C-alpha cells in the first residue's frame, strides 16, 4: 500500500501562497499537502503540480472552536458552517477533516466540555458519514495550564468513541504529543490502531 509523504504548511510558506508551496513541495519530493482550506482554485493548483490532497482543517475546528461553546446558537452555527464545508470538500475529492477541539473557553472543566461535545458532535459525524469524509482528531493537548483539547488521552477517547461509534470518526496519530503527555505511543496503537485515520511525525525531545 502506498503511503505518500506530505506536510502541513508552515506559516512562512503560507504567506507565500499555495502555488509557491505546491511548487516547492514538488521540487522537494513532497507528494501531499495538508490544507487550511480546499476550494476549486487550490485543487487546480495542486493538480497542476501533481500534489495530492491531504487533510483539510475543519472550518473553525482547529484551536478554540464554537463547536464547544457554551452558547447554543454559536454551536449550531458552527455545525451549519461545517455542513457547507463538508459538502464542498467532498465534491472536490477531499477525504480527511483535521480537527483540534479546544473549547471556546479553554479553562472550562473537561467534564463540561464533553457534555457540550456530546450535544453537537454526533451531528457533525453524521455529516461526515453523509459526505464520505473522515474526521481525525489532533492530539495536541492545548495551552497551559488546563491543556483542554478533547481527544488527547486514552480515557477521553474511549468515552468519545463509545458515544459516537463511527468508522468516520478517529484520530490523527502523532506520537510526539503522546510522548509529551507521558502516554505509551505503542500501547496507544494497540488499543486505537483501527481508529487511526491520518498520521503526523516530527522529532521529539524531552528536556529535563
N, C-alpha and C. Protein backbone atom coordinates (compact mmCIF):
# COMPACT_ATOMS: atom_id res chain seq x y z
N UNK A 1 0.84 -1.20 0.00
CA UNK A 1 0.00 0.00 0.00
C UNK A 1 0.87 1.24 0.00
N UNK A 2 0.61 2.18 -0.89
CA UNK A 2 1.39 3.40 -0.99
C UNK A 2 0.97 4.39 0.08
N UNK A 3 1.96 4.85 0.88
CA UNK A 3 1.71 5.86 1.89
C UNK A 3 2.53 7.09 1.56
N UNK A 4 1.95 8.03 0.81
CA UNK A 4 2.72 9.20 0.36
C UNK A 4 3.17 10.08 1.52
N UNK A 5 4.32 10.73 1.34
CA UNK A 5 4.86 11.65 2.33
C UNK A 5 4.34 13.06 2.04
N UNK A 6 3.77 13.67 3.06
CA UNK A 6 3.24 15.02 2.88
C UNK A 6 3.71 15.94 3.99
N UNK A 7 3.12 17.12 4.05
CA UNK A 7 3.46 18.06 5.12
C UNK A 7 2.31 19.03 5.35
N UNK A 8 2.25 19.54 6.58
CA UNK A 8 1.42 20.70 6.84
C UNK A 8 2.14 21.93 6.30
N UNK A 9 1.43 23.01 6.12
CA UNK A 9 2.01 24.21 5.53
C UNK A 9 2.47 25.15 6.64
N UNK A 10 3.80 25.32 6.81
CA UNK A 10 4.30 26.24 7.84
C UNK A 10 3.89 27.68 7.53
N UNK A 11 3.82 28.53 8.56
CA UNK A 11 3.37 29.91 8.35
C UNK A 11 4.15 30.67 7.28
N UNK A 12 5.48 30.48 7.23
CA UNK A 12 6.26 31.25 6.25
C UNK A 12 5.96 30.80 4.83
N UNK A 13 5.59 29.53 4.65
CA UNK A 13 5.14 29.07 3.33
C UNK A 13 3.76 29.63 3.03
N UNK A 14 2.88 29.59 4.04
CA UNK A 14 1.53 30.09 3.84
C UNK A 14 1.49 31.52 3.36
N UNK A 15 2.41 32.33 3.85
CA UNK A 15 2.46 33.74 3.44
C UNK A 15 2.80 33.89 1.96
N UNK A 16 3.50 32.90 1.42
CA UNK A 16 3.89 32.95 0.00
C UNK A 16 2.79 32.47 -0.93
N UNK A 17 1.79 31.81 -0.37
CA UNK A 17 0.67 31.35 -1.19
C UNK A 17 0.76 29.89 -1.56
N UNK A 18 -0.38 29.33 -1.97
CA UNK A 18 -0.47 27.90 -2.24
C UNK A 18 0.34 27.49 -3.47
N UNK A 19 0.44 28.36 -4.49
CA UNK A 19 1.20 27.96 -5.67
C UNK A 19 2.68 27.85 -5.36
N UNK A 20 3.22 28.80 -4.61
CA UNK A 20 4.62 28.73 -4.18
C UNK A 20 4.86 27.45 -3.39
N UNK A 21 3.94 27.14 -2.47
CA UNK A 21 4.10 25.96 -1.62
C UNK A 21 4.03 24.67 -2.43
N UNK A 22 3.07 24.60 -3.36
CA UNK A 22 2.94 23.40 -4.19
C UNK A 22 4.17 23.20 -5.07
N UNK A 23 4.70 24.28 -5.60
CA UNK A 23 5.90 24.19 -6.44
C UNK A 23 7.09 23.70 -5.61
N UNK A 24 7.26 24.26 -4.40
CA UNK A 24 8.35 23.83 -3.54
C UNK A 24 8.19 22.35 -3.17
N UNK A 25 6.97 21.96 -2.86
CA UNK A 25 6.70 20.57 -2.50
C UNK A 25 7.09 19.64 -3.64
N UNK A 26 6.70 19.97 -4.84
CA UNK A 26 7.01 19.15 -6.00
C UNK A 26 8.52 19.02 -6.19
N UNK A 27 9.23 20.12 -6.02
CA UNK A 27 10.68 20.13 -6.24
C UNK A 27 11.43 19.36 -5.15
N UNK A 28 10.77 19.15 -3.99
CA UNK A 28 11.46 18.54 -2.86
C UNK A 28 10.87 17.18 -2.47
N UNK A 29 10.14 16.59 -3.38
CA UNK A 29 9.67 15.23 -3.18
C UNK A 29 8.51 15.06 -2.22
N UNK A 30 7.81 16.16 -1.93
CA UNK A 30 6.61 16.09 -1.09
C UNK A 30 5.42 15.78 -1.99
N UNK A 31 4.66 14.75 -1.64
CA UNK A 31 3.60 14.28 -2.54
C UNK A 31 2.21 14.77 -2.16
N UNK A 32 2.05 15.21 -0.91
CA UNK A 32 0.73 15.58 -0.40
C UNK A 32 0.86 16.82 0.47
N UNK A 33 -0.14 17.70 0.41
CA UNK A 33 -0.17 18.86 1.30
C UNK A 33 -1.42 18.83 2.17
N UNK A 34 -1.22 19.05 3.46
CA UNK A 34 -2.35 19.30 4.36
C UNK A 34 -2.75 20.76 4.18
N UNK A 35 -4.06 21.00 4.18
CA UNK A 35 -4.55 22.31 3.73
C UNK A 35 -5.40 23.01 4.77
N UNK A 36 -5.25 24.34 4.88
CA UNK A 36 -6.18 25.10 5.72
C UNK A 36 -7.57 25.20 5.10
N UNK A 37 -7.61 25.24 3.76
CA UNK A 37 -8.89 25.24 3.03
C UNK A 37 -8.72 24.44 1.75
N UNK A 38 -9.84 23.94 1.24
CA UNK A 38 -9.84 23.31 -0.08
C UNK A 38 -10.98 23.89 -0.88
N UNK A 39 -10.64 24.62 -1.96
CA UNK A 39 -11.63 25.11 -2.89
C UNK A 39 -11.16 24.78 -4.30
N UNK A 40 -11.92 25.21 -5.29
CA UNK A 40 -11.60 24.86 -6.68
C UNK A 40 -10.24 25.39 -7.10
N UNK A 41 -9.91 26.61 -6.66
CA UNK A 41 -8.62 27.21 -7.01
C UNK A 41 -7.47 26.40 -6.43
N UNK A 42 -7.56 26.04 -5.16
CA UNK A 42 -6.50 25.26 -4.51
C UNK A 42 -6.36 23.90 -5.19
N UNK A 43 -7.48 23.25 -5.47
CA UNK A 43 -7.42 21.94 -6.12
C UNK A 43 -6.72 22.02 -7.47
N UNK A 44 -7.04 23.06 -8.26
CA UNK A 44 -6.43 23.21 -9.58
C UNK A 44 -4.92 23.41 -9.48
N UNK A 45 -4.48 24.19 -8.50
CA UNK A 45 -3.04 24.42 -8.32
C UNK A 45 -2.35 23.12 -7.93
N UNK A 46 -2.92 22.37 -6.97
CA UNK A 46 -2.32 21.10 -6.59
C UNK A 46 -2.24 20.14 -7.77
N UNK A 47 -3.31 20.10 -8.56
CA UNK A 47 -3.32 19.20 -9.72
C UNK A 47 -2.24 19.57 -10.72
N UNK A 48 -2.01 20.86 -10.90
CA UNK A 48 -1.02 21.30 -11.88
C UNK A 48 0.40 20.89 -11.49
N UNK A 49 0.63 20.69 -10.19
CA UNK A 49 1.95 20.24 -9.73
C UNK A 49 1.95 18.77 -9.31
N UNK A 50 0.85 18.09 -9.58
CA UNK A 50 0.69 16.67 -9.24
C UNK A 50 0.91 16.42 -7.74
N UNK A 51 0.32 17.30 -6.94
CA UNK A 51 0.36 17.18 -5.49
C UNK A 51 -1.01 16.71 -5.00
N UNK A 52 -1.00 15.73 -4.10
CA UNK A 52 -2.25 15.18 -3.59
C UNK A 52 -2.86 16.02 -2.48
N UNK A 53 -4.15 15.80 -2.25
CA UNK A 53 -4.88 16.47 -1.17
C UNK A 53 -4.72 15.65 0.11
N UNK A 54 -4.15 16.28 1.15
CA UNK A 54 -4.04 15.62 2.44
C UNK A 54 -5.25 15.96 3.30
N UNK A 55 -5.03 16.14 4.58
CA UNK A 55 -6.13 16.52 5.46
C UNK A 55 -6.48 17.99 5.22
N UNK A 56 -7.72 18.32 5.54
CA UNK A 56 -8.21 19.69 5.42
C UNK A 56 -8.69 20.13 6.79
N UNK A 57 -8.24 21.29 7.23
CA UNK A 57 -8.65 21.78 8.55
C UNK A 57 -10.16 21.97 8.60
N UNK A 58 -10.79 21.40 9.61
CA UNK A 58 -12.21 21.61 9.81
C UNK A 58 -12.50 23.08 10.06
N UNK A 59 -13.43 23.65 9.34
CA UNK A 59 -13.69 25.09 9.43
C UNK A 59 -14.06 25.48 10.86
N UNK A 60 -13.20 26.30 11.46
CA UNK A 60 -13.46 26.73 12.83
C UNK A 60 -13.21 25.67 13.87
N UNK A 61 -12.51 24.58 13.51
CA UNK A 61 -12.31 23.47 14.45
C UNK A 61 -10.83 23.13 14.63
N UNK A 62 -9.97 24.09 14.45
CA UNK A 62 -8.55 23.90 14.74
C UNK A 62 -8.16 25.02 15.70
N UNK A 63 -8.16 24.68 16.99
CA UNK A 63 -7.99 25.70 18.02
C UNK A 63 -9.32 25.97 18.71
N UNK A 64 -9.42 27.09 19.38
CA UNK A 64 -10.65 27.42 20.10
C UNK A 64 -11.84 27.39 19.15
N UNK A 65 -12.84 26.57 19.45
CA UNK A 65 -13.91 26.34 18.49
C UNK A 65 -15.29 26.58 19.08
N UNK A 66 -16.16 27.18 18.25
CA UNK A 66 -17.55 27.40 18.66
C UNK A 66 -18.32 26.10 18.80
N UNK A 67 -17.80 25.02 18.22
CA UNK A 67 -18.45 23.71 18.41
C UNK A 67 -18.53 23.37 19.89
N UNK A 68 -17.57 23.89 20.66
CA UNK A 68 -17.53 23.63 22.10
C UNK A 68 -17.82 24.90 22.90
N UNK A 69 -18.64 25.77 22.33
CA UNK A 69 -19.07 26.98 23.04
C UNK A 69 -20.23 26.65 23.98
N UNK A 70 -20.32 27.36 25.09
CA UNK A 70 -21.47 27.22 25.97
C UNK A 70 -22.70 27.91 25.39
N UNK A 71 -22.51 28.69 24.35
CA UNK A 71 -23.62 29.38 23.67
C UNK A 71 -24.20 28.43 22.61
N UNK A 72 -25.44 28.00 22.81
CA UNK A 72 -26.05 27.03 21.90
C UNK A 72 -26.14 27.56 20.48
N UNK A 73 -26.44 28.84 20.33
CA UNK A 73 -26.52 29.43 19.00
C UNK A 73 -25.21 29.36 18.26
N UNK A 74 -24.12 29.66 18.95
CA UNK A 74 -22.80 29.57 18.34
C UNK A 74 -22.51 28.13 17.91
N UNK A 75 -22.88 27.18 18.76
CA UNK A 75 -22.60 25.77 18.44
C UNK A 75 -23.28 25.36 17.14
N UNK A 76 -24.55 25.68 17.00
CA UNK A 76 -25.27 25.21 15.83
C UNK A 76 -24.93 26.00 14.58
N UNK A 77 -24.52 27.25 14.73
CA UNK A 77 -23.98 27.98 13.58
C UNK A 77 -22.68 27.34 13.10
N UNK A 78 -21.88 26.86 14.05
CA UNK A 78 -20.65 26.17 13.68
C UNK A 78 -20.94 24.87 12.94
N UNK A 79 -21.96 24.15 13.38
CA UNK A 79 -22.35 22.92 12.69
C UNK A 79 -22.79 23.23 11.26
N UNK A 80 -23.56 24.27 11.07
CA UNK A 80 -24.01 24.64 9.72
C UNK A 80 -22.83 25.03 8.83
N UNK A 81 -21.85 25.71 9.42
CA UNK A 81 -20.66 26.07 8.67
C UNK A 81 -19.89 24.83 8.24
N UNK A 82 -19.78 23.85 9.12
CA UNK A 82 -19.12 22.60 8.77
C UNK A 82 -19.89 21.84 7.69
N UNK A 83 -21.21 21.89 7.75
CA UNK A 83 -22.02 21.22 6.74
C UNK A 83 -21.67 21.75 5.35
N UNK A 84 -21.58 23.07 5.21
CA UNK A 84 -21.22 23.66 3.92
C UNK A 84 -19.82 23.24 3.50
N UNK A 85 -18.88 23.27 4.47
CA UNK A 85 -17.51 22.87 4.14
C UNK A 85 -17.43 21.41 3.73
N UNK A 86 -18.09 20.53 4.46
CA UNK A 86 -18.03 19.11 4.16
C UNK A 86 -18.54 18.82 2.75
N UNK A 87 -19.63 19.46 2.39
CA UNK A 87 -20.18 19.24 1.05
C UNK A 87 -19.20 19.68 -0.02
N UNK A 88 -18.54 20.82 0.20
CA UNK A 88 -17.57 21.33 -0.79
C UNK A 88 -16.35 20.44 -0.86
N UNK A 89 -15.81 20.05 0.30
CA UNK A 89 -14.61 19.21 0.32
C UNK A 89 -14.88 17.87 -0.34
N UNK A 90 -16.03 17.29 -0.06
CA UNK A 90 -16.38 16.01 -0.66
C UNK A 90 -16.46 16.12 -2.18
N UNK A 91 -17.08 17.19 -2.66
CA UNK A 91 -17.22 17.39 -4.10
C UNK A 91 -15.88 17.58 -4.79
N UNK A 92 -14.88 18.08 -4.05
CA UNK A 92 -13.57 18.35 -4.64
C UNK A 92 -12.58 17.21 -4.43
N UNK A 93 -13.03 16.12 -3.81
CA UNK A 93 -12.18 14.94 -3.70
C UNK A 93 -11.38 14.83 -2.41
N UNK A 94 -11.67 15.68 -1.42
CA UNK A 94 -11.02 15.54 -0.13
C UNK A 94 -11.61 14.38 0.64
N UNK A 95 -10.88 13.91 1.67
CA UNK A 95 -11.41 12.78 2.42
C UNK A 95 -11.23 12.90 3.93
N UNK A 96 -10.18 13.60 4.40
CA UNK A 96 -9.88 13.66 5.83
C UNK A 96 -10.02 15.09 6.34
N UNK A 97 -10.86 15.26 7.37
CA UNK A 97 -11.03 16.55 8.03
C UNK A 97 -10.25 16.52 9.34
N UNK A 98 -9.35 17.47 9.50
CA UNK A 98 -8.46 17.55 10.65
C UNK A 98 -9.07 18.50 11.69
N UNK A 99 -9.21 18.03 12.94
CA UNK A 99 -9.80 18.86 13.99
C UNK A 99 -8.96 18.81 15.25
N UNK A 100 -8.82 19.97 15.88
CA UNK A 100 -8.16 20.10 17.18
C UNK A 100 -9.15 20.81 18.09
N UNK A 101 -9.87 20.05 18.90
CA UNK A 101 -11.04 20.55 19.60
C UNK A 101 -10.70 21.20 20.93
N UNK A 102 -10.40 22.50 20.88
CA UNK A 102 -10.15 23.29 22.08
C UNK A 102 -11.43 24.06 22.39
N UNK A 103 -11.96 23.94 23.60
CA UNK A 103 -13.19 24.68 23.93
C UNK A 103 -13.02 26.18 23.74
N UNK A 104 -14.12 26.86 23.43
CA UNK A 104 -14.09 28.32 23.29
C UNK A 104 -13.48 28.95 24.55
N UNK A 105 -13.88 28.45 25.71
CA UNK A 105 -13.29 28.85 26.98
C UNK A 105 -12.31 27.76 27.39
N UNK A 106 -11.02 28.00 27.22
CA UNK A 106 -10.03 26.95 27.44
C UNK A 106 -9.90 26.55 28.91
N UNK A 107 -10.51 27.31 29.82
CA UNK A 107 -10.48 26.96 31.24
C UNK A 107 -11.72 26.18 31.68
N UNK A 108 -12.60 25.88 30.73
CA UNK A 108 -13.80 25.12 31.04
C UNK A 108 -13.42 23.72 31.53
N UNK A 109 -14.04 23.23 32.62
CA UNK A 109 -13.72 21.87 33.07
C UNK A 109 -13.97 20.85 31.96
N UNK A 110 -13.12 19.86 31.87
CA UNK A 110 -13.23 18.88 30.78
C UNK A 110 -14.57 18.15 30.79
N UNK A 111 -15.10 17.89 31.99
CA UNK A 111 -16.39 17.22 32.08
C UNK A 111 -17.46 18.03 31.37
N UNK A 112 -17.45 19.34 31.57
CA UNK A 112 -18.43 20.21 30.91
C UNK A 112 -18.18 20.28 29.41
N UNK A 113 -16.92 20.32 29.01
CA UNK A 113 -16.59 20.32 27.58
C UNK A 113 -17.15 19.08 26.89
N UNK A 114 -17.04 17.94 27.57
CA UNK A 114 -17.54 16.70 26.98
C UNK A 114 -19.07 16.69 26.91
N UNK A 115 -19.72 17.29 27.89
CA UNK A 115 -21.18 17.41 27.83
C UNK A 115 -21.60 18.22 26.61
N UNK A 116 -20.91 19.33 26.36
CA UNK A 116 -21.21 20.16 25.19
C UNK A 116 -20.90 19.40 23.91
N UNK A 117 -19.75 18.72 23.89
CA UNK A 117 -19.35 17.94 22.72
C UNK A 117 -20.42 16.92 22.36
N UNK A 118 -20.97 16.26 23.37
CA UNK A 118 -21.96 15.21 23.14
C UNK A 118 -23.24 15.76 22.52
N UNK A 119 -23.53 17.05 22.74
CA UNK A 119 -24.74 17.65 22.20
C UNK A 119 -24.64 17.94 20.70
N UNK A 120 -23.42 18.25 20.23
CA UNK A 120 -23.27 18.68 18.84
C UNK A 120 -22.51 17.69 17.95
N UNK A 121 -21.58 16.94 18.53
CA UNK A 121 -20.68 16.19 17.66
C UNK A 121 -21.31 15.01 16.94
N UNK A 122 -22.30 14.34 17.51
CA UNK A 122 -22.96 13.29 16.72
C UNK A 122 -23.50 13.83 15.39
N UNK A 123 -24.00 15.05 15.40
CA UNK A 123 -24.49 15.66 14.16
C UNK A 123 -23.34 15.89 13.18
N UNK A 124 -22.19 16.33 13.69
CA UNK A 124 -21.02 16.57 12.84
C UNK A 124 -20.54 15.27 12.21
N UNK A 125 -20.47 14.21 13.00
CA UNK A 125 -20.04 12.91 12.46
C UNK A 125 -21.05 12.39 11.45
N UNK A 126 -22.33 12.62 11.71
CA UNK A 126 -23.35 12.24 10.73
C UNK A 126 -23.16 12.94 9.40
N UNK A 127 -22.76 14.20 9.44
CA UNK A 127 -22.48 14.94 8.21
C UNK A 127 -21.26 14.37 7.49
N UNK A 128 -20.26 13.96 8.27
CA UNK A 128 -19.08 13.33 7.66
C UNK A 128 -19.46 12.03 6.97
N UNK A 129 -20.28 11.22 7.62
CA UNK A 129 -20.72 9.97 7.02
C UNK A 129 -21.48 10.23 5.72
N UNK A 130 -22.36 11.20 5.76
CA UNK A 130 -23.18 11.51 4.59
C UNK A 130 -22.32 11.92 3.40
N UNK A 131 -21.21 12.61 3.68
CA UNK A 131 -20.34 13.11 2.61
C UNK A 131 -19.10 12.24 2.39
N UNK A 132 -19.08 11.06 3.01
CA UNK A 132 -17.96 10.11 2.89
C UNK A 132 -16.63 10.76 3.26
N UNK A 133 -16.63 11.50 4.37
CA UNK A 133 -15.43 12.12 4.90
C UNK A 133 -15.07 11.46 6.24
N UNK A 134 -13.84 11.68 6.67
CA UNK A 134 -13.33 11.09 7.90
C UNK A 134 -12.75 12.18 8.79
N UNK A 135 -13.20 12.24 10.04
CA UNK A 135 -12.75 13.25 10.98
C UNK A 135 -11.62 12.68 11.82
N UNK A 136 -10.44 13.32 11.75
CA UNK A 136 -9.27 12.88 12.51
C UNK A 136 -8.97 13.91 13.59
N UNK A 137 -9.08 13.50 14.85
CA UNK A 137 -8.80 14.41 15.96
C UNK A 137 -7.29 14.53 16.17
N UNK A 138 -6.84 15.76 16.31
CA UNK A 138 -5.44 16.05 16.59
C UNK A 138 -5.16 15.88 18.09
N UNK A 139 -3.97 15.35 18.41
CA UNK A 139 -3.63 15.07 19.79
C UNK A 139 -2.91 16.18 20.54
N UNK A 140 -2.73 17.36 19.91
CA UNK A 140 -2.09 18.46 20.62
C UNK A 140 -2.91 18.80 21.86
N UNK A 141 -2.33 18.80 23.06
CA UNK A 141 -3.13 18.96 24.27
C UNK A 141 -3.68 20.34 24.52
N UNK A 142 -3.17 21.34 23.81
CA UNK A 142 -3.69 22.69 24.01
C UNK A 142 -2.85 23.50 24.98
N UNK A 143 -3.28 24.73 25.23
CA UNK A 143 -2.46 25.64 26.03
C UNK A 143 -2.48 25.31 27.52
N UNK A 144 -1.35 25.60 28.17
CA UNK A 144 -1.27 25.51 29.63
C UNK A 144 -2.12 26.63 30.23
N UNK A 145 -2.63 26.48 31.43
CA UNK A 145 -2.36 25.36 32.35
C UNK A 145 -3.37 24.23 32.23
N UNK A 146 -4.46 24.43 31.49
CA UNK A 146 -5.56 23.45 31.52
C UNK A 146 -5.36 22.30 30.54
N UNK A 147 -4.58 22.52 29.45
CA UNK A 147 -4.43 21.52 28.39
C UNK A 147 -5.81 20.96 28.02
N UNK A 148 -6.68 21.81 27.46
CA UNK A 148 -8.11 21.49 27.39
C UNK A 148 -8.58 20.72 26.17
N UNK A 149 -7.69 20.46 25.19
CA UNK A 149 -8.13 19.84 23.94
C UNK A 149 -8.78 18.48 24.21
N UNK A 150 -9.93 18.25 23.59
CA UNK A 150 -10.61 16.96 23.74
C UNK A 150 -10.01 15.94 22.78
N UNK A 151 -9.90 14.69 23.26
CA UNK A 151 -9.45 13.61 22.41
C UNK A 151 -7.95 13.42 22.39
N UNK A 152 -7.26 13.77 23.48
CA UNK A 152 -5.81 13.64 23.51
C UNK A 152 -5.33 12.51 24.40
N UNK A 153 -6.19 11.94 25.24
CA UNK A 153 -5.79 10.87 26.15
C UNK A 153 -6.67 9.64 25.94
N UNK A 154 -6.15 8.47 26.27
CA UNK A 154 -6.95 7.25 26.09
C UNK A 154 -8.29 7.30 26.82
N UNK A 155 -8.30 7.85 28.05
CA UNK A 155 -9.54 7.87 28.83
C UNK A 155 -10.63 8.64 28.10
N UNK A 156 -10.29 9.81 27.58
CA UNK A 156 -11.28 10.64 26.90
C UNK A 156 -11.68 10.02 25.56
N UNK A 157 -10.71 9.47 24.84
CA UNK A 157 -11.02 8.85 23.55
C UNK A 157 -11.95 7.65 23.72
N UNK A 158 -11.74 6.86 24.76
CA UNK A 158 -12.65 5.73 24.99
C UNK A 158 -14.08 6.23 25.13
N UNK A 159 -14.25 7.28 25.90
CA UNK A 159 -15.58 7.85 26.10
C UNK A 159 -16.15 8.35 24.77
N UNK A 160 -15.36 9.09 24.01
CA UNK A 160 -15.86 9.68 22.77
C UNK A 160 -16.24 8.62 21.75
N UNK A 161 -15.39 7.60 21.61
CA UNK A 161 -15.69 6.57 20.62
C UNK A 161 -16.85 5.68 21.06
N UNK A 162 -17.04 5.55 22.34
CA UNK A 162 -18.20 4.80 22.83
C UNK A 162 -19.49 5.56 22.55
N UNK A 163 -19.45 6.88 22.70
CA UNK A 163 -20.63 7.71 22.46
C UNK A 163 -20.93 7.86 20.97
N UNK A 164 -19.89 7.91 20.15
CA UNK A 164 -20.08 8.09 18.69
C UNK A 164 -19.25 7.02 17.98
N UNK A 165 -19.76 5.79 17.90
CA UNK A 165 -19.01 4.67 17.32
C UNK A 165 -19.13 4.62 15.80
N UNK A 166 -18.37 5.48 15.14
CA UNK A 166 -18.44 5.56 13.68
C UNK A 166 -17.05 5.37 13.08
N UNK A 167 -16.98 4.65 11.97
CA UNK A 167 -15.69 4.50 11.30
C UNK A 167 -15.24 5.80 10.65
N UNK A 168 -16.13 6.78 10.62
CA UNK A 168 -15.78 8.09 10.05
C UNK A 168 -15.24 9.05 11.10
N UNK A 169 -15.01 8.57 12.30
CA UNK A 169 -14.54 9.38 13.42
C UNK A 169 -13.36 8.67 14.07
N UNK A 170 -12.18 9.31 14.01
CA UNK A 170 -10.98 8.68 14.57
C UNK A 170 -9.95 9.70 14.97
N UNK A 171 -8.68 9.31 14.86
CA UNK A 171 -7.60 10.17 15.34
C UNK A 171 -6.56 10.41 14.26
N UNK A 172 -5.86 11.52 14.43
CA UNK A 172 -4.62 11.77 13.73
C UNK A 172 -3.51 11.29 14.68
N UNK A 173 -2.79 10.26 14.27
CA UNK A 173 -1.78 9.66 15.15
C UNK A 173 -0.48 10.45 15.05
N UNK A 174 -0.14 11.13 16.15
CA UNK A 174 1.11 11.89 16.24
C UNK A 174 1.80 11.50 17.54
N UNK A 175 2.80 10.60 17.48
CA UNK A 175 3.44 10.12 18.71
C UNK A 175 4.05 11.23 19.55
N UNK A 176 4.44 12.35 18.94
CA UNK A 176 5.11 13.40 19.71
C UNK A 176 4.23 13.92 20.84
N UNK A 177 2.94 14.08 20.58
CA UNK A 177 2.05 14.57 21.62
C UNK A 177 1.85 13.53 22.72
N UNK A 178 1.81 12.27 22.34
CA UNK A 178 1.65 11.20 23.33
C UNK A 178 2.87 11.13 24.23
N UNK A 179 4.06 11.25 23.64
CA UNK A 179 5.29 11.24 24.44
C UNK A 179 5.28 12.41 25.42
N UNK A 180 4.89 13.57 24.94
CA UNK A 180 4.84 14.76 25.80
C UNK A 180 3.91 14.55 26.99
N UNK A 181 2.82 13.83 26.78
CA UNK A 181 1.85 13.60 27.84
C UNK A 181 2.17 12.38 28.70
N UNK A 182 3.26 11.70 28.38
CA UNK A 182 3.64 10.53 29.15
C UNK A 182 2.82 9.30 28.82
N UNK A 183 2.28 9.25 27.59
CA UNK A 183 1.45 8.12 27.15
C UNK A 183 2.29 7.21 26.25
N UNK A 184 2.22 5.92 26.48
CA UNK A 184 2.95 4.95 25.66
C UNK A 184 2.37 4.95 24.25
N UNK A 185 3.15 5.45 23.29
CA UNK A 185 2.63 5.62 21.93
C UNK A 185 2.43 4.29 21.22
N UNK A 186 3.13 3.23 21.62
CA UNK A 186 2.91 1.92 21.01
C UNK A 186 1.69 1.23 21.62
N UNK A 187 1.53 1.34 22.92
CA UNK A 187 0.33 0.80 23.55
C UNK A 187 -0.91 1.51 23.02
N UNK A 188 -0.78 2.81 22.76
CA UNK A 188 -1.89 3.58 22.18
C UNK A 188 -2.33 2.94 20.86
N UNK A 189 -1.36 2.53 20.04
CA UNK A 189 -1.70 1.90 18.76
C UNK A 189 -2.38 0.55 18.96
N UNK A 190 -1.96 -0.18 19.97
CA UNK A 190 -2.60 -1.47 20.25
C UNK A 190 -4.10 -1.28 20.48
N UNK A 191 -4.46 -0.23 21.20
CA UNK A 191 -5.86 -0.01 21.53
C UNK A 191 -6.62 0.73 20.44
N UNK A 192 -5.99 1.73 19.83
CA UNK A 192 -6.72 2.62 18.93
C UNK A 192 -6.26 2.52 17.48
N UNK A 193 -5.49 1.49 17.16
CA UNK A 193 -4.96 1.38 15.80
C UNK A 193 -6.03 1.45 14.72
N UNK A 194 -7.20 0.84 14.98
CA UNK A 194 -8.27 0.86 13.98
C UNK A 194 -8.89 2.24 13.83
N UNK A 195 -8.60 3.13 14.77
CA UNK A 195 -9.16 4.49 14.72
C UNK A 195 -8.18 5.50 14.11
N UNK A 196 -7.01 5.05 13.70
CA UNK A 196 -6.04 5.96 13.09
C UNK A 196 -6.44 6.23 11.65
N UNK A 197 -6.75 7.48 11.37
CA UNK A 197 -7.19 7.89 10.04
C UNK A 197 -6.14 8.71 9.30
N UNK A 198 -5.16 9.20 10.05
CA UNK A 198 -4.12 10.05 9.46
C UNK A 198 -2.94 10.03 10.42
N UNK A 199 -1.75 10.41 9.95
CA UNK A 199 -0.55 10.38 10.80
C UNK A 199 0.29 11.64 10.59
N UNK A 200 0.86 12.12 11.68
CA UNK A 200 1.89 13.16 11.65
C UNK A 200 3.13 12.63 12.34
N UNK A 201 4.29 13.11 11.93
CA UNK A 201 5.54 12.73 12.59
C UNK A 201 6.46 13.92 12.70
N UNK A 202 7.18 14.00 13.79
CA UNK A 202 8.16 15.06 13.98
C UNK A 202 9.16 14.62 15.04
N UNK A 203 10.32 15.27 15.08
CA UNK A 203 11.30 14.99 16.12
C UNK A 203 10.73 15.42 17.46
N UNK A 204 11.03 14.65 18.51
CA UNK A 204 10.55 14.95 19.85
C UNK A 204 11.70 14.83 20.83
N UNK A 205 11.86 15.84 21.68
CA UNK A 205 12.89 15.81 22.71
C UNK A 205 12.27 16.19 24.04
N UNK A 206 12.59 15.43 25.09
CA UNK A 206 12.15 15.76 26.45
C UNK A 206 13.33 16.40 27.17
N UNK A 207 13.15 17.65 27.58
CA UNK A 207 14.23 18.41 28.22
C UNK A 207 14.00 18.42 29.72
N UNK A 208 14.97 17.91 30.46
CA UNK A 208 14.86 17.84 31.93
C UNK A 208 14.98 19.25 32.53
